[in-house]
């Protein structure tokens, strides 16, 4: 699963190329519902970003979660 827990994607094509790469290795990739959102300097509201992570954690098909981008914004959702 791929989520954006902090900053938004600077280059959506680059992320989609990464998805294609993982798929070429045989992985089934699930994108978070809000992975391309923009909310100020973050990739969605705190609740949207937390929801994506929690959805991935609770999805039995997801065996690995990757952050599309990092950033200190993730600390805002640790309690969610």
C-alpha atoms as a PDB file:
ATOM      1  CA  UNK A   1       0.000   0.000   0.000  1.00  0.00           C
ATOM      2  CA  UNK A   2       1.169   3.523  -0.734  1.00  0.00           C
ATOM      3  CA  UNK A   3       0.055   6.507   1.333  1.00  0.00           C
ATOM      4  CA  UNK A   4       1.010  10.163   1.644  1.00  0.00           C
ATOM      5  CA  UNK A   5       1.158  10.723   5.407  1.00  0.00           C
ATOM      6  CA  UNK A   6       2.850  14.114   5.215  1.00  0.00           C
ATOM      7  CA  UNK A   7       3.669  16.270   2.213  1.00  0.00           C
ATOM      8  CA  UNK A   8       1.834  15.962  -1.110  1.00  0.00           C
ATOM      9  CA  UNK A   9       3.404  14.442  -4.187  1.00  0.00           C
ATOM     10  CA  UNK A  10       5.593  16.902  -6.070  1.00  0.00           C
ATOM     11  CA  UNK A  11       5.508  14.755  -9.193  1.00  0.00           C
ATOM     12  CA  UNK A  12       2.524  12.427  -9.558  1.00  0.00           C
ATOM     13  CA  UNK A  13       4.044  10.811 -12.647  1.00  0.00           C
ATOM     14  CA  UNK A  14       7.093   9.783 -10.639  1.00  0.00           C
ATOM     15  CA  UNK A  15       4.920   8.057  -8.045  1.00  0.00           C
ATOM     16  CA  UNK A  16       2.890   6.301 -10.739  1.00  0.00           C
ATOM     17  CA  UNK A  17       6.141   5.131 -12.361  1.00  0.00           C
ATOM     18  CA  UNK A  18       7.105   3.671  -8.984  1.00  0.00           C
ATOM     19  CA  UNK A  19       3.767   1.855  -8.872  1.00  0.00           C
ATOM     20  CA  UNK A  20       4.426   0.433 -12.343  1.00  0.00           C
ATOM     21  CA  UNK A  21       7.856  -0.726 -11.179  1.00  0.00           C
ATOM     22  CA  UNK A  22       6.442  -2.580  -8.167  1.00  0.00           C
ATOM     23  CA  UNK A  23       3.754  -4.112 -10.372  1.00  0.00           C
ATOM     24  CA  UNK A  24       6.443  -5.277 -12.832  1.00  0.00           C
ATOM     25  CA  UNK A  25       7.992  -7.170  -9.911  1.00  0.00           C
ATOM     26  CA  UNK A  26       4.689  -8.936  -9.331  1.00  0.00           C
ATOM     27  CA  UNK A  27       3.294  -6.838  -6.478  1.00  0.00           C
ATOM     28  CA  UNK A  28      -0.318  -5.703  -6.354  1.00  0.00           C
ATOM     29  CA  UNK A  29      -0.219  -2.047  -5.363  1.00  0.00           C
ATOM     30  CA  UNK A  30      -3.040  -0.308  -3.522  1.00  0.00           C
ATOM     31  CA  UNK A  31      -2.985   3.496  -3.440  1.00  0.00           C
ATOM     32  CA  UNK A  32      -4.486   5.329  -0.505  1.00  0.00           C
ATOM     33  CA  UNK A  33      -7.708   7.170  -1.343  1.00  0.00           C
ATOM     34  CA  UNK A  34      -6.056  10.487  -0.542  1.00  0.00           C
ATOM     35  CA  UNK A  35      -2.556   9.862  -1.902  1.00  0.00           C
ATOM     36  CA  UNK A  36      -2.799  12.750  -4.403  1.00  0.00           C
ATOM     37  CA  UNK A  37      -4.702  15.197  -2.190  1.00  0.00           C
ATOM     38  CA  UNK A  38      -3.410  18.665  -1.420  1.00  0.00           C
ATOM     39  CA  UNK A  39      -4.391  20.591   1.669  1.00  0.00           C
ATOM     40  CA  UNK A  40      -2.083  23.526   2.168  1.00  0.00           C
ATOM     41  CA  UNK A  41       1.420  22.106   2.572  1.00  0.00           C
ATOM     42  CA  UNK A  42       0.058  18.635   3.393  1.00  0.00           C
ATOM     43  CA  UNK A  43      -1.365  15.754   1.360  1.00  0.00           C
ATOM     44  CA  UNK A  44      -4.885  16.103   2.737  1.00  0.00           C
ATOM     45  CA  UNK A  45      -6.356  16.921   6.097  1.00  0.00           C
ATOM     46  CA  UNK A  46      -5.054  15.175   9.196  1.00  0.00           C
ATOM     47  CA  UNK A  47      -8.108  12.903   9.205  1.00  0.00           C
ATOM     48  CA  UNK A  48      -7.722  12.012   5.514  1.00  0.00           C
ATOM     49  CA  UNK A  49      -4.052  11.127   5.888  1.00  0.00           C
ATOM     50  CA  UNK A  50      -4.668   9.130   9.067  1.00  0.00           C
ATOM     51  CA  UNK A  51      -7.589   7.350   7.429  1.00  0.00           C
ATOM     52  CA  UNK A  52      -5.375   6.159   4.573  1.00  0.00           C
ATOM     53  CA  UNK A  53      -2.793   4.711   6.967  1.00  0.00           C
ATOM     54  CA  UNK A  54      -5.443   3.057   9.134  1.00  0.00           C
ATOM     55  CA  UNK A  55      -7.184   1.627   6.057  1.00  0.00           C
ATOM     56  CA  UNK A  56      -3.889   0.075   4.942  1.00  0.00           C
ATOM     57  CA  UNK A  57      -3.152  -1.331   8.398  1.00  0.00           C
ATOM     58  CA  UNK A  58      -6.604  -2.901   8.568  1.00  0.00           C
ATOM     59  CA  UNK A  59      -6.574  -4.300   5.016  1.00  0.00           C
ATOM     60  CA  UNK A  60      -5.556  -7.982   5.161  1.00  0.00           C
ATOM     61  CA  UNK A  61      -4.246  -7.789   1.577  1.00  0.00           C
ATOM     62  CA  UNK A  62      -1.655  -5.149   2.491  1.00  0.00           C
ATOM     63  CA  UNK A  63       1.662  -6.618   3.607  1.00  0.00           C
ATOM     64  CA  UNK A  64       3.785  -3.474   3.341  1.00  0.00           C
ATOM     65  CA  UNK A  65       3.048   0.249   3.581  1.00  0.00           C
ATOM     66  CA  UNK A  66       5.215   2.799   1.788  1.00  0.00           C
ATOM     67  CA  UNK A  67       5.093   6.552   2.276  1.00  0.00           C
ATOM     68  CA  UNK A  68       5.030   8.325  -1.074  1.00  0.00           C
ATOM     69  CA  UNK A  69       6.810  11.216   0.595  1.00  0.00           C
ATOM     70  CA  UNK A  70       8.039  11.920   4.060  1.00  0.00           C
ATOM     71  CA  UNK A  71       7.843  14.988   6.190  1.00  0.00           C
ATOM     72  CA  UNK A  72       7.189  16.243   9.650  1.00  0.00           C
ATOM     73  CA  UNK A  73       3.429  16.459   8.928  1.00  0.00           C
ATOM     74  CA  UNK A  74       3.137  12.800   9.897  1.00  0.00           C
ATOM     75  CA  UNK A  75       3.661  13.718  13.545  1.00  0.00           C
ATOM     76  CA  UNK A  76       0.307  15.532  13.428  1.00  0.00           C
ATOM     77  CA  UNK A  77      -1.529  12.239  12.904  1.00  0.00           C
ATOM     78  CA  UNK A  78       0.270   9.928  15.333  1.00  0.00           C
ATOM     79  CA  UNK A  79      -2.628  10.109  17.798  1.00  0.00           C
ATOM     80  CA  UNK A  80      -5.131   9.084  15.113  1.00  0.00           C
END
